[in-house]
Amino acid sequence: ALKVLSVERNNLNTVPKGLGLLQSLQTVHMSSNAIQQIDPKDFQNC
């Protein structure tokens, strides 16, 4: 049932793998991290 995942102001350097497993996810907030690139599978199945 998870709709909102907020991980702002942390130390992530990549988009967490497996976001597509959260089948109800509608909102992802990852501002103010250290993410360097967005890969083709980062938001796969979202």
All heavy atoms as atom14 arrays in JSON, in Angstrom:
{
  "sequence": "ALKVLSVERNNLNTVPKGLGLLQSLQTVHMSSNAIQQIDPKDFQNC",
  "atom14_mask": [
    [1, 1, 1, 1, 1, 0, 0, 0, 0, 0, 0, 0, 0, 0],
    [1, 1, 1, 1, 1, 1, 1, 1, 0, 0, 0, 0, 0, 0],
    [1, 1, 1, 1, 1, 1, 1, 1, 1, 0, 0, 0, 0, 0],
    [1, 1, 1, 1, 1, 1, 1, 0, 0, 0, 0, 0, 0, 0],
    [1, 1, 1, 1, 1, 1, 1, 1, 0, 0, 0, 0, 0, 0],
    [1, 1, 1, 1, 1, 1, 0, 0, 0, 0, 0, 0, 0, 0],
    [1, 1, 1, 1, 1, 1, 1, 0, 0, 0, 0, 0, 0, 0],
    [1, 1, 1, 1, 1, 1, 1, 1, 1, 0, 0, 0, 0, 0],
    [1, 1, 1, 1, 1, 1, 1, 1, 1, 1, 1, 0, 0, 0],
    [1, 1, 1, 1, 1, 1, 1, 1, 0, 0, 0, 0, 0, 0],
    [1, 1, 1, 1, 1, 1, 1, 1, 0, 0, 0, 0, 0, 0],
    [1, 1, 1, 1, 1, 1, 1, 1, 0, 0, 0, 0, 0, 0],
    [1, 1, 1, 1, 1, 1, 1, 1, 0, 0, 0, 0, 0, 0],
    [1, 1, 1, 1, 1, 1, 1, 0, 0, 0, 0, 0, 0, 0],
    [1, 1, 1, 1, 1, 1, 1, 0, 0, 0, 0, 0, 0, 0],
    [1, 1, 1, 1, 1, 1, 1, 0, 0, 0, 0, 0, 0, 0],
    [1, 1, 1, 1, 1, 1, 1, 1, 1, 0, 0, 0, 0, 0],
    [1, 1, 1, 1, 0, 0, 0, 0, 0, 0, 0, 0, 0, 0],
    [1, 1, 1, 1, 1, 1, 1, 1, 0, 0, 0, 0, 0, 0],
    [1, 1, 1, 1, 0, 0, 0, 0, 0, 0, 0, 0, 0, 0],
    [1, 1, 1, 1, 1, 1, 1, 1, 0, 0, 0, 0, 0, 0],
    [1, 1, 1, 1, 1, 1, 1, 1, 0, 0, 0, 0, 0, 0],
    [1, 1, 1, 1, 1, 1, 1, 1, 1, 0, 0, 0, 0, 0],
    [1, 1, 1, 1, 1, 1, 0, 0, 0, 0, 0, 0, 0, 0],
    [1, 1, 1, 1, 1, 1, 1, 1, 0, 0, 0, 0, 0, 0],
    [1, 1, 1, 1, 1, 1, 1, 1, 1, 0, 0, 0, 0, 0],
    [1, 1, 1, 1, 1, 1, 1, 0, 0, 0, 0, 0, 0, 0],
    [1, 1, 1, 1, 1, 1, 1, 0, 0, 0, 0, 0, 0, 0],
    [1, 1, 1, 1, 1, 1, 1, 1, 1, 1, 0, 0, 0, 0],
    [1, 1, 1, 1, 1, 1, 1, 1, 0, 0, 0, 0, 0, 0],
    [1, 1, 1, 1, 1, 1, 0, 0, 0, 0, 0, 0, 0, 0],
    [1, 1, 1, 1, 1, 1, 0, 0, 0, 0, 0, 0, 0, 0],
    [1, 1, 1, 1, 1, 1, 1, 1, 0, 0, 0, 0, 0, 0],
    [1, 1, 1, 1, 1, 0, 0, 0, 0, 0, 0, 0, 0, 0],
    [1, 1, 1, 1, 1, 1, 1, 1, 0, 0, 0, 0, 0, 0],
    [1, 1, 1, 1, 1, 1, 1, 1, 1, 0, 0, 0, 0, 0],
    [1, 1, 1, 1, 1, 1, 1, 1, 1, 0, 0, 0, 0, 0],
    [1, 1, 1, 1, 1, 1, 1, 1, 0, 0, 0, 0, 0, 0],
    [1, 1, 1, 1, 1, 1, 1, 1, 0, 0, 0, 0, 0, 0],
    [1, 1, 1, 1, 1, 1, 1, 0, 0, 0, 0, 0, 0, 0],
    [1, 1, 1, 1, 1, 1, 1, 1, 1, 0, 0, 0, 0, 0],
    [1, 1, 1, 1, 1, 1, 1, 1, 0, 0, 0, 0, 0, 0],
    [1, 1, 1, 1, 1, 1, 1, 1, 1, 1, 1, 0, 0, 0],
    [1, 1, 1, 1, 1, 1, 1, 1, 1, 0, 0, 0, 0, 0],
    [1, 1, 1, 1, 1, 1, 1, 1, 0, 0, 0, 0, 0, 0],
    [1, 1, 1, 1, 1, 1, 0, 0, 0, 0, 0, 0, 0, 0]
  ],
  "atom14_positions": [
    [[0.8, -1.23, 0.0], [0.0, 0.0, 0.0], [0.83, 1.27, 0.0], [0.27, 2.37, -0.01], [-0.94, 0.01, 1.22], [0.0, 0.0, 0.0], [0.0, 0.0, 0.0], [0.0, 0.0, 0.0], [0.0, 0.0, 0.0], [0.0, 0.0, 0.0], [0.0, 0.0, 0.0], [0.0, 0.0, 0.0], [0.0, 0.0, 0.0], [0.0, 0.0, 0.0]],
    [[2.17, 1.16, -0.01], [3.01, 2.35, 0.12], [2.86, 3.26, -1.09], [3.1, 2.87, -2.23], [4.48, 1.95, 0.28], [5.41, 3.1, 0.69], [5.11, 3.54, 2.12], [6.88, 2.72, 0.56], [0.0, 0.0, 0.0], [0.0, 0.0, 0.0], [0.0, 0.0, 0.0], [0.0, 0.0, 0.0], [0.0, 0.0, 0.0], [0.0, 0.0, 0.0]],
    [[2.48, 4.53, -0.84], [2.27, 5.51, -1.9], [3.37, 6.58, -1.92], [3.69, 7.1, -2.98], [0.91, 6.19, -1.72], [-0.27, 5.25, -1.87], [-1.59, 6.0, -1.67], [-2.78, 5.07, -1.81], [-4.07, 5.78, -1.59], [0.0, 0.0, 0.0], [0.0, 0.0, 0.0], [0.0, 0.0, 0.0], [0.0, 0.0, 0.0], [0.0, 0.0, 0.0]],
    [[3.91, 6.92, -0.76], [4.88, 8.0, -0.67], [6.14, 7.51, 0.03], [6.08, 7.04, 1.17], [4.3, 9.22, 0.09], [5.35, 10.32, 0.19], [3.04, 9.72, -0.57], [0.0, 0.0, 0.0], [0.0, 0.0, 0.0], [0.0, 0.0, 0.0], [0.0, 0.0, 0.0], [0.0, 0.0, 0.0], [0.0, 0.0, 0.0], [0.0, 0.0, 0.0]],
    [[7.28, 7.62, -0.66], [8.58, 7.31, -0.08], [9.43, 8.56, -0.16], [9.71, 9.09, -1.24], [9.26, 6.17, -0.85], [10.69, 5.81, -0.42], [10.71, 5.33, 1.03], [11.27, 4.75, -1.35], [0.0, 0.0, 0.0], [0.0, 0.0, 0.0], [0.0, 0.0, 0.0], [0.0, 0.0, 0.0], [0.0, 0.0, 0.0], [0.0, 0.0, 0.0]],
    [[9.86, 9.06, 1.0], [10.63, 10.3, 1.06], [11.98, 10.04, 1.71], [12.04, 9.61, 2.87], [9.85, 11.36, 1.84], [10.43, 12.63, 1.68], [0.0, 0.0, 0.0], [0.0, 0.0, 0.0], [0.0, 0.0, 0.0], [0.0, 0.0, 0.0], [0.0, 0.0, 0.0], [0.0, 0.0, 0.0], [0.0, 0.0, 0.0], [0.0, 0.0, 0.0]],
    [[13.06, 10.27, 0.93], [14.42, 10.02, 1.42], [15.27, 11.26, 1.14], [16.38, 11.17, 0.64], [15.04, 8.78, 0.74], [16.17, 8.21, 1.58], [14.01, 7.7, 0.5], [0.0, 0.0, 0.0], [0.0, 0.0, 0.0], [0.0, 0.0, 0.0], [0.0, 0.0, 0.0], [0.0, 0.0, 0.0], [0.0, 0.0, 0.0], [0.0, 0.0, 0.0]],
    [[14.74, 12.43, 1.46], [15.47, 13.67, 1.21], [16.57, 13.87, 2.25], [16.5, 13.37, 3.37], [14.49, 14.86, 1.26], [13.39, 14.78, 0.21], [12.43, 15.95, 0.29], [12.49, 16.69, 1.29], [11.63, 16.12, -0.63], [0.0, 0.0, 0.0], [0.0, 0.0, 0.0], [0.0, 0.0, 0.0], [0.0, 0.0, 0.0], [0.0, 0.0, 0.0]],
    [[17.61, 14.63, 1.85], [18.7, 15.0, 2.75], [19.35, 13.76, 3.38], [19.45, 13.63, 4.59], [18.21, 15.96, 3.84], [17.55, 17.23, 3.28], [17.25, 18.25, 4.35], [16.58, 17.7, 5.52], [15.29, 17.43, 5.58], [14.5, 17.69, 4.53], [14.75, 16.95, 6.68], [0.0, 0.0, 0.0], [0.0, 0.0, 0.0], [0.0, 0.0, 0.0]],
    [[19.8, 12.85, 2.51], [20.54, 11.69, 2.95], [21.84, 11.59, 2.14], [22.28, 12.59, 1.57], [19.68, 10.43, 2.8], [18.73, 10.24, 3.97], [19.11, 9.73, 5.03], [17.48, 10.66, 3.81], [0.0, 0.0, 0.0], [0.0, 0.0, 0.0], [0.0, 0.0, 0.0], [0.0, 0.0, 0.0], [0.0, 0.0, 0.0], [0.0, 0.0, 0.0]],
    [[22.43, 10.4, 2.09], [23.71, 10.22, 1.41], [23.64, 9.24, 0.25], [24.62, 8.58, -0.08], [24.78, 9.75, 2.42], [25.06, 10.78, 3.5], [24.98, 11.98, 3.26], [25.38, 10.32, 4.7], [0.0, 0.0, 0.0], [0.0, 0.0, 0.0], [0.0, 0.0, 0.0], [0.0, 0.0, 0.0], [0.0, 0.0, 0.0], [0.0, 0.0, 0.0]],
    [[22.49, 9.14, -0.39], [22.35, 8.23, -1.52], [23.16, 8.72, -2.71], [23.1, 9.91, -3.05], [20.89, 8.12, -1.93], [19.91, 7.49, -0.92], [18.48, 7.61, -1.44], [20.26, 6.04, -0.65], [0.0, 0.0, 0.0], [0.0, 0.0, 0.0], [0.0, 0.0, 0.0], [0.0, 0.0, 0.0], [0.0, 0.0, 0.0], [0.0, 0.0, 0.0]],
    [[23.91, 7.83, -3.36], [24.6, 8.22, -4.59], [24.01, 7.55, -5.82], [24.46, 7.8, -6.94], [26.11, 7.98, -4.5], [26.44, 6.54, -4.15], [25.69, 5.63, -4.47], [27.58, 6.34, -3.51], [0.0, 0.0, 0.0], [0.0, 0.0, 0.0], [0.0, 0.0, 0.0], [0.0, 0.0, 0.0], [0.0, 0.0, 0.0], [0.0, 0.0, 0.0]],
    [[23.0, 6.71, -5.62], [22.25, 6.12, -6.73], [20.78, 6.06, -6.33], [20.43, 6.11, -5.15], [22.72, 4.69, -7.07], [22.53, 3.85, -5.92], [24.19, 4.68, -7.47], [0.0, 0.0, 0.0], [0.0, 0.0, 0.0], [0.0, 0.0, 0.0], [0.0, 0.0, 0.0], [0.0, 0.0, 0.0], [0.0, 0.0, 0.0], [0.0, 0.0, 0.0]],
    [[19.92, 5.94, -7.32], [18.5, 5.69, -7.05], [18.39, 4.26, -6.49], [18.96, 3.34, -7.05], [17.66, 5.82, -8.33], [16.21, 5.42, -8.08], [17.74, 7.24, -8.86], [0.0, 0.0, 0.0], [0.0, 0.0, 0.0], [0.0, 0.0, 0.0], [0.0, 0.0, 0.0], [0.0, 0.0, 0.0], [0.0, 0.0, 0.0], [0.0, 0.0, 0.0]],
    [[17.7, 4.06, -5.37], [17.59, 2.71, -4.8], [17.03, 1.72, -5.81], [16.05, 2.02, -6.5], [16.62, 2.91, -3.63], [16.76, 4.35, -3.27], [17.02, 5.07, -4.55], [0.0, 0.0, 0.0], [0.0, 0.0, 0.0], [0.0, 0.0, 0.0], [0.0, 0.0, 0.0], [0.0, 0.0, 0.0], [0.0, 0.0, 0.0], [0.0, 0.0, 0.0]],
    [[17.65, 0.58, -5.92], [17.21, -0.45, -6.86], [15.98, -1.17, -6.3], [15.9, -1.44, -5.11], [18.32, -1.46, -7.12], [19.63, -0.83, -7.59], [19.45, 0.01, -8.85], [20.76, 0.64, -9.29], [20.56, 1.59, -10.41], [0.0, 0.0, 0.0], [0.0, 0.0, 0.0], [0.0, 0.0, 0.0], [0.0, 0.0, 0.0], [0.0, 0.0, 0.0]],
    [[15.05, -1.47, -7.18], [13.88, -2.23, -6.77], [12.66, -1.41, -6.44], [11.71, -1.91, -5.84], [0.0, 0.0, 0.0], [0.0, 0.0, 0.0], [0.0, 0.0, 0.0], [0.0, 0.0, 0.0], [0.0, 0.0, 0.0], [0.0, 0.0, 0.0], [0.0, 0.0, 0.0], [0.0, 0.0, 0.0], [0.0, 0.0, 0.0], [0.0, 0.0, 0.0]],
    [[12.65, -0.14, -6.83], [11.46, 0.69, -6.56], [10.21, 0.08, -7.19], [9.1, 0.27, -6.69], [11.67, 2.11, -7.11], [12.63, 3.01, -6.34], [12.8, 4.33, -7.07], [12.13, 3.26, -4.92], [0.0, 0.0, 0.0], [0.0, 0.0, 0.0], [0.0, 0.0, 0.0], [0.0, 0.0, 0.0], [0.0, 0.0, 0.0], [0.0, 0.0, 0.0]],
    [[10.38, -0.65, -8.28], [9.24, -1.27, -8.95], [8.54, -2.33, -8.12], [7.41, -2.73, -8.43], [0.0, 0.0, 0.0], [0.0, 0.0, 0.0], [0.0, 0.0, 0.0], [0.0, 0.0, 0.0], [0.0, 0.0, 0.0], [0.0, 0.0, 0.0], [0.0, 0.0, 0.0], [0.0, 0.0, 0.0], [0.0, 0.0, 0.0], [0.0, 0.0, 0.0]],
    [[9.19, -2.81, -7.06], [8.55, -3.78, -6.16], [7.48, -3.12, -5.3], [6.62, -3.81, -4.75], [9.6, -4.45, -5.26], [10.61, -5.35, -5.97], [11.71, -5.77, -5.01], [9.91, -6.58, -6.53], [0.0, 0.0, 0.0], [0.0, 0.0, 0.0], [0.0, 0.0, 0.0], [0.0, 0.0, 0.0], [0.0, 0.0, 0.0], [0.0, 0.0, 0.0]],
    [[7.55, -1.8, -5.17], [6.53, -1.06, -4.41], [5.41, -0.72, -5.37], [5.37, 0.33, -5.99], [7.15, 0.2, -3.81], [8.36, -0.04, -2.89], [9.02, 1.28, -2.52], [7.95, -0.8, -1.64], [0.0, 0.0, 0.0], [0.0, 0.0, 0.0], [0.0, 0.0, 0.0], [0.0, 0.0, 0.0], [0.0, 0.0, 0.0], [0.0, 0.0, 0.0]],
    [[4.47, -1.63, -5.52], [3.52, -1.59, -6.62], [2.5, -0.46, -6.54], [1.85, -0.14, -7.53], [2.81, -2.94, -6.71], [3.78, -4.08, -7.03], [3.09, -5.42, -7.13], [1.88, -5.55, -6.97], [3.87, -6.45, -7.39], [0.0, 0.0, 0.0], [0.0, 0.0, 0.0], [0.0, 0.0, 0.0], [0.0, 0.0, 0.0], [0.0, 0.0, 0.0]],
    [[2.35, 0.17, -5.37], [1.4, 1.28, -5.23], [2.1, 2.63, -5.18], [1.45, 3.67, -5.01], [0.56, 1.1, -3.97], [-0.23, -0.07, -4.04], [0.0, 0.0, 0.0], [0.0, 0.0, 0.0], [0.0, 0.0, 0.0], [0.0, 0.0, 0.0], [0.0, 0.0, 0.0], [0.0, 0.0, 0.0], [0.0, 0.0, 0.0], [0.0, 0.0, 0.0]],
    [[3.42, 2.65, -5.35], [4.21, 3.87, -5.17], [3.8, 4.95, -6.17], [3.8, 4.74, -7.37], [5.69, 3.55, -5.33], [6.67, 4.64, -4.9], [6.55, 4.92, -3.4], [8.1, 4.25, -5.24], [0.0, 0.0, 0.0], [0.0, 0.0, 0.0], [0.0, 0.0, 0.0], [0.0, 0.0, 0.0], [0.0, 0.0, 0.0], [0.0, 0.0, 0.0]],
    [[3.46, 6.15, -5.63], [3.04, 7.27, -6.46], [3.99, 8.46, -6.39], [4.1, 9.22, -7.34], [1.64, 7.75, -6.04], [0.56, 6.71, -6.25], [-0.82, 7.21, -5.82], [-0.99, 8.38, -5.48], [-1.79, 6.33, -5.82], [0.0, 0.0, 0.0], [0.0, 0.0, 0.0], [0.0, 0.0, 0.0], [0.0, 0.0, 0.0], [0.0, 0.0, 0.0]],
    [[4.7, 8.61, -5.26], [5.56, 9.76, -5.05], [6.9, 9.32, -4.49], [6.94, 8.55, -3.52], [4.9, 10.76, -4.07], [3.67, 11.22, -4.62], [5.81, 11.94, -3.79], [0.0, 0.0, 0.0], [0.0, 0.0, 0.0], [0.0, 0.0, 0.0], [0.0, 0.0, 0.0], [0.0, 0.0, 0.0], [0.0, 0.0, 0.0], [0.0, 0.0, 0.0]],
    [[7.99, 9.8, -5.11], [9.34, 9.53, -4.61], [10.06, 10.86, -4.45], [10.22, 11.61, -5.43], [10.14, 8.63, -5.56], [11.56, 8.43, -5.03], [9.47, 7.29, -5.73], [0.0, 0.0, 0.0], [0.0, 0.0, 0.0], [0.0, 0.0, 0.0], [0.0, 0.0, 0.0], [0.0, 0.0, 0.0], [0.0, 0.0, 0.0], [0.0, 0.0, 0.0]],
    [[10.47, 11.18, -3.23], [11.23, 12.4, -2.97], [12.65, 12.02, -2.57], [12.87, 11.41, -1.53], [10.57, 13.2, -1.85], [9.3, 13.86, -2.27], [8.42, 14.43, -1.38], [8.75, 14.05, -3.5], [7.38, 14.94, -2.04], [7.56, 14.72, -3.33], [0.0, 0.0, 0.0], [0.0, 0.0, 0.0], [0.0, 0.0, 0.0], [0.0, 0.0, 0.0]],
    [[13.63, 12.39, -3.41], [15.03, 12.07, -3.14], [15.92, 13.29, -3.3], [17.09, 13.18, -3.68], [15.48, 10.94, -4.08], [14.84, 9.6, -3.79], [15.41, 8.25, -4.84], [14.58, 8.69, -6.37], [0.0, 0.0, 0.0], [0.0, 0.0, 0.0], [0.0, 0.0, 0.0], [0.0, 0.0, 0.0], [0.0, 0.0, 0.0], [0.0, 0.0, 0.0]],
    [[15.39, 14.47, -3.03], [16.18, 15.69, -3.18], [17.29, 15.74, -2.13], [17.23, 15.09, -1.09], [15.29, 16.92, -3.05], [14.77, 17.02, -1.74], [0.0, 0.0, 0.0], [0.0, 0.0, 0.0], [0.0, 0.0, 0.0], [0.0, 0.0, 0.0], [0.0, 0.0, 0.0], [0.0, 0.0, 0.0], [0.0, 0.0, 0.0], [0.0, 0.0, 0.0]],
    [[18.33, 16.52, -2.44], [19.44, 16.77, -1.52], [20.14, 15.48, -1.1], [20.32, 15.19, 0.09], [18.95, 17.54, -0.28], [18.39, 18.78, -0.65], [0.0, 0.0, 0.0], [0.0, 0.0, 0.0], [0.0, 0.0, 0.0], [0.0, 0.0, 0.0], [0.0, 0.0, 0.0], [0.0, 0.0, 0.0], [0.0, 0.0, 0.0], [0.0, 0.0, 0.0]],
    [[20.52, 14.69, -2.11], [21.38, 13.54, -1.91], [22.63, 13.73, -2.77], [23.0, 14.86, -3.08], [20.64, 12.25, -2.28], [19.74, 11.75, -1.15], [20.19, 11.1, -0.22], [18.45, 12.07, -1.24], [0.0, 0.0, 0.0], [0.0, 0.0, 0.0], [0.0, 0.0, 0.0], [0.0, 0.0, 0.0], [0.0, 0.0, 0.0], [0.0, 0.0, 0.0]],
    [[23.27, 12.64, -3.16], [24.47, 12.73, -3.99], [24.33, 11.85, -5.23], [25.31, 11.31, -5.74], [25.71, 12.33, -3.18], [0.0, 0.0, 0.0], [0.0, 0.0, 0.0], [0.0, 0.0, 0.0], [0.0, 0.0, 0.0], [0.0, 0.0, 0.0], [0.0, 0.0, 0.0], [0.0, 0.0, 0.0], [0.0, 0.0, 0.0], [0.0, 0.0, 0.0]],
    [[23.1, 11.7, -5.71], [22.82, 10.87, -6.88], [23.5, 11.47, -8.1], [23.38, 12.66, -8.37], [21.3, 10.74, -7.09], [20.67, 10.04, -5.88], [20.99, 9.98, -8.37], [19.16, 10.06, -5.87], [0.0, 0.0, 0.0], [0.0, 0.0, 0.0], [0.0, 0.0, 0.0], [0.0, 0.0, 0.0], [0.0, 0.0, 0.0], [0.0, 0.0, 0.0]],
    [[24.21, 10.61, -8.86], [25.03, 11.11, -9.96], [24.43, 10.87, -11.34], [24.74, 11.6, -12.28], [26.42, 10.46, -9.89], [27.15, 10.8, -8.61], [28.49, 10.11, -8.49], [29.05, 9.67, -9.48], [29.0, 10.0, -7.28], [0.0, 0.0, 0.0], [0.0, 0.0, 0.0], [0.0, 0.0, 0.0], [0.0, 0.0, 0.0], [0.0, 0.0, 0.0]],
    [[23.59, 9.85, -11.49], [22.99, 9.59, -12.8], [21.71, 8.8, -12.64], [21.47, 8.19, -11.59], [23.96, 8.84, -13.72], [24.31, 7.44, -13.27], [25.3, 6.79, -14.22], [26.3, 7.38, -14.6], [25.01, 5.55, -14.63], [0.0, 0.0, 0.0], [0.0, 0.0, 0.0], [0.0, 0.0, 0.0], [0.0, 0.0, 0.0], [0.0, 0.0, 0.0]],
    [[20.88, 8.83, -13.68], [19.62, 8.09, -13.7], [19.72, 7.04, -14.79], [19.86, 7.37, -15.97], [18.42, 9.02, -13.96], [18.43, 10.2, -12.99], [17.12, 8.24, -13.83], [18.32, 9.84, -11.54], [0.0, 0.0, 0.0], [0.0, 0.0, 0.0], [0.0, 0.0, 0.0], [0.0, 0.0, 0.0], [0.0, 0.0, 0.0], [0.0, 0.0, 0.0]],
    [[19.67, 5.78, -14.4], [19.82, 4.68, -15.33], [18.46, 4.23, -15.88], [17.42, 4.52, -15.28], [20.52, 3.5, -14.64], [21.96, 3.85, -14.28], [22.57, 4.64, -15.01], [22.47, 3.32, -13.27], [0.0, 0.0, 0.0], [0.0, 0.0, 0.0], [0.0, 0.0, 0.0], [0.0, 0.0, 0.0], [0.0, 0.0, 0.0], [0.0, 0.0, 0.0]],
    [[18.45, 3.49, -16.99], [17.17, 3.13, -17.62], [16.28, 2.25, -16.76], [15.07, 2.24, -16.94], [17.6, 2.4, -18.9], [19.01, 2.01, -18.68], [19.6, 3.05, -17.79], [0.0, 0.0, 0.0], [0.0, 0.0, 0.0], [0.0, 0.0, 0.0], [0.0, 0.0, 0.0], [0.0, 0.0, 0.0], [0.0, 0.0, 0.0], [0.0, 0.0, 0.0]],
    [[16.85, 1.5, -15.82], [16.05, 0.59, -15.0], [15.73, 1.15, -13.61], [15.08, 0.48, -12.81], [16.77, -0.75, -14.86], [16.89, -1.51, -16.17], [17.51, -2.89, -15.95], [17.6, -3.66, -17.26], [18.19, -5.02, -17.06], [0.0, 0.0, 0.0], [0.0, 0.0, 0.0], [0.0, 0.0, 0.0], [0.0, 0.0, 0.0], [0.0, 0.0, 0.0]],
    [[16.15, 2.37, -13.32], [15.94, 2.91, -11.98], [14.46, 3.02, -11.61], [14.08, 2.82, -10.46], [16.59, 4.29, -11.85], [18.1, 4.19, -11.67], [18.59, 3.09, -11.37], [18.78, 5.22, -11.82], [0.0, 0.0, 0.0], [0.0, 0.0, 0.0], [0.0, 0.0, 0.0], [0.0, 0.0, 0.0], [0.0, 0.0, 0.0], [0.0, 0.0, 0.0]],
    [[13.62, 3.35, -12.59], [12.18, 3.49, -12.33], [11.38, 2.44, -13.1], [10.18, 2.62, -13.35], [11.71, 4.9, -12.7], [12.36, 5.97, -11.86], [13.37, 6.76, -12.4], [11.97, 6.17, -10.55], [13.99, 7.74, -11.63], [12.57, 7.15, -9.77], [13.59, 7.94, -10.31], [0.0, 0.0, 0.0], [0.0, 0.0, 0.0], [0.0, 0.0, 0.0]],
    [[12.03, 1.35, -13.43], [11.36, 0.28, -14.16], [10.24, -0.33, -13.32], [10.4, -0.57, -12.13], [12.38, -0.8, -14.54], [11.84, -1.87, -15.46], [12.92, -2.86, -15.88], [13.82, -3.16, -15.12], [12.83, -3.34, -17.11], [0.0, 0.0, 0.0], [0.0, 0.0, 0.0], [0.0, 0.0, 0.0], [0.0, 0.0, 0.0], [0.0, 0.0, 0.0]],
    [[9.09, -0.57, -13.95], [7.91, -1.18, -13.32], [7.25, -0.28, -12.28], [6.38, -0.74, -11.55], [8.26, -2.52, -12.67], [8.74, -3.54, -13.69], [8.25, -3.59, -14.81], [9.74, -4.34, -13.31], [0.0, 0.0, 0.0], [0.0, 0.0, 0.0], [0.0, 0.0, 0.0], [0.0, 0.0, 0.0], [0.0, 0.0, 0.0], [0.0, 0.0, 0.0]],
    [[7.62, 1.0, -12.23], [6.95, 1.93, -11.31], [5.71, 2.49, -12.02], [5.61, 3.69, -12.31], [7.9, 3.05, -10.91], [9.32, 2.51, -9.94], [0.0, 0.0, 0.0], [0.0, 0.0, 0.0], [0.0, 0.0, 0.0], [0.0, 0.0, 0.0], [0.0, 0.0, 0.0], [0.0, 0.0, 0.0], [0.0, 0.0, 0.0], [0.0, 0.0, 0.0]]
  ]
}
